[in-house]
Amino acid sequence: MNTDFPSLATTTGLIVVVALSLQALLAAVSLLVLVKTPTQRVQFGRKWPWVLIILVANTIGPILFLAVGRRPAPVADTAAQAPANVASTVQGLYGSEPGATGAQR
């Protein structure tokens, strides 16, 4: 197929340039996210398969990595640190003993 780019319509050429630019931007963002993601959070346990997927599978590769290529970050359990009752909550917030009033200072 011998395509002469000046013979393409201006609209078609613009669409091709925009699509290629978006594809390059998506690949660059995906590679940047991959570099910043710790290896423990990457599916397959290694980063090099994702580099190949991002670069070879043009538009689908970066989307696939961003959608399913990373595991969620672990979240600390804060429910175990919740106060047992109202008195401990008041003491934690205000640092005074429960039942003490401002007049007793």
Protein backbone atom coordinates (compact mmCIF):
# COMPACT_ATOMS: atom_id res chain seq x y z
CA MET A 1 0.00 0.00 0.00
CA ASN A 2 1.61 3.20 -1.16
CA THR A 3 0.07 6.13 0.70
CA ASP A 4 0.97 9.68 -0.23
CA PHE A 5 0.38 11.81 2.86
CA PRO A 6 -0.08 15.14 1.02
CA SER A 7 -2.94 13.56 -0.91
CA LEU A 8 -4.82 12.70 2.29
CA ALA A 9 -7.62 15.01 3.23
CA THR A 10 -6.72 17.53 5.90
CA THR A 11 -9.31 16.12 8.29
CA THR A 12 -8.05 12.56 7.87
CA GLY A 13 -4.46 13.64 8.40
CA LEU A 14 -5.44 15.53 11.53
CA ILE A 15 -7.30 12.50 12.90
CA VAL A 16 -4.27 10.28 12.28
CA VAL A 17 -1.91 12.74 14.00
CA VAL A 18 -4.22 13.09 17.02
CA ALA A 19 -4.65 9.30 17.32
CA LEU A 20 -0.90 8.69 17.14
CA SER A 21 -0.26 11.45 19.68
CA LEU A 22 -2.80 9.98 22.11
CA GLN A 23 -1.32 6.53 21.67
CA ALA A 24 2.21 7.82 22.38
CA LEU A 25 0.97 9.78 25.42
CA LEU A 26 -0.86 6.75 26.79
CA ALA A 27 2.24 4.58 26.38
CA ALA A 28 4.45 7.20 28.06
CA VAL A 29 2.07 7.57 31.03
CA SER A 30 1.81 3.79 31.40
CA LEU A 31 5.59 3.37 31.36
CA LEU A 32 5.98 6.16 33.93
CA VAL A 33 3.39 4.54 36.21
CA LEU A 34 5.13 1.19 35.75
CA VAL A 35 8.50 2.65 36.75
CA LYS A 36 7.01 4.25 39.89
CA THR A 37 5.05 1.14 40.92
CA PRO A 38 6.89 -1.17 43.36
CA THR A 39 7.64 -4.62 41.97
CA GLN A 40 5.57 -6.26 44.72
CA ARG A 41 2.41 -4.53 43.41
CA VAL A 42 2.88 -5.52 39.75
CA GLN A 43 0.98 -8.51 38.36
CA PHE A 44 3.29 -11.38 37.27
CA GLY A 45 5.85 -10.17 39.87
CA ARG A 46 8.12 -8.66 37.19
CA LYS A 47 8.06 -5.43 35.24
CA TRP A 48 9.66 -6.53 31.96
CA PRO A 49 6.55 -8.42 30.67
CA TRP A 50 4.54 -5.24 31.13
CA VAL A 51 7.10 -3.18 29.21
CA LEU A 52 6.69 -5.59 26.30
CA ILE A 53 2.90 -5.56 26.55
CA ILE A 54 2.79 -1.75 26.66
CA LEU A 55 5.15 -1.31 23.72
CA VAL A 56 3.95 -4.16 21.48
CA ALA A 57 0.17 -4.04 22.01
CA ASN A 58 -0.08 -0.41 20.97
CA THR A 59 -3.27 1.00 22.47
CA ILE A 60 -4.58 -2.05 24.29
CA GLY A 61 -1.31 -2.70 26.19
CA PRO A 62 -1.23 0.55 28.19
CA ILE A 63 -4.95 0.33 28.91
CA LEU A 64 -4.55 -3.28 30.03
CA PHE A 65 -1.67 -2.37 32.36
CA LEU A 66 -3.52 0.56 33.92
CA ALA A 67 -6.68 -1.53 34.38
CA VAL A 68 -5.36 -4.88 35.67
CA GLY A 69 -1.56 -4.70 35.82
CA ARG A 70 -1.28 -3.38 39.35
CA ARG A 71 -2.43 -4.78 42.67
CA PRO A 72 -4.03 -2.36 45.14
CA ALA A 73 -1.82 -0.94 47.87
CA PRO A 74 -2.26 -2.52 51.30
CA VAL A 75 -4.43 -0.50 53.67
CA ALA A 76 -3.73 -0.25 57.40
CA ASP A 77 -6.56 -1.46 59.64
CA THR A 78 -7.66 1.49 61.76
CA ALA A 79 -10.63 -0.28 63.35
CA ALA A 80 -8.39 -1.86 66.00
CA GLN A 81 -7.34 1.60 67.20
CA ALA A 82 -10.87 2.88 67.81
CA PRO A 83 -11.60 4.03 71.38
CA ALA A 84 -13.62 1.70 73.55
CA ASN A 85 -16.02 4.27 74.98
CA VAL A 86 -16.98 7.94 75.12
CA ALA A 87 -14.71 8.72 78.08
CA SER A 88 -11.60 7.58 76.27
CA THR A 89 -12.67 9.56 73.20
CA VAL A 90 -13.05 12.74 75.26
CA GLN A 91 -9.69 12.17 76.91
CA GLY A 92 -8.06 11.54 73.56
CA LEU A 93 -9.53 14.68 72.03
CA TYR A 94 -9.22 17.14 74.90
CA GLY A 95 -6.63 15.59 77.18
CA SER A 96 -8.73 16.11 80.30
CA GLU A 97 -10.38 13.71 82.63
CA PRO A 98 -13.98 12.78 81.87
CA GLY A 99 -16.37 14.80 84.04
CA ALA A 100 -13.96 17.68 84.67
CA THR A 101 -15.37 21.10 83.97
CA GLY A 102 -13.68 24.31 82.88
CA ALA A 103 -14.39 25.98 86.28
CA GLN A 104 -12.13 23.56 88.19
CA ARG A 105 -8.86 24.76 86.61
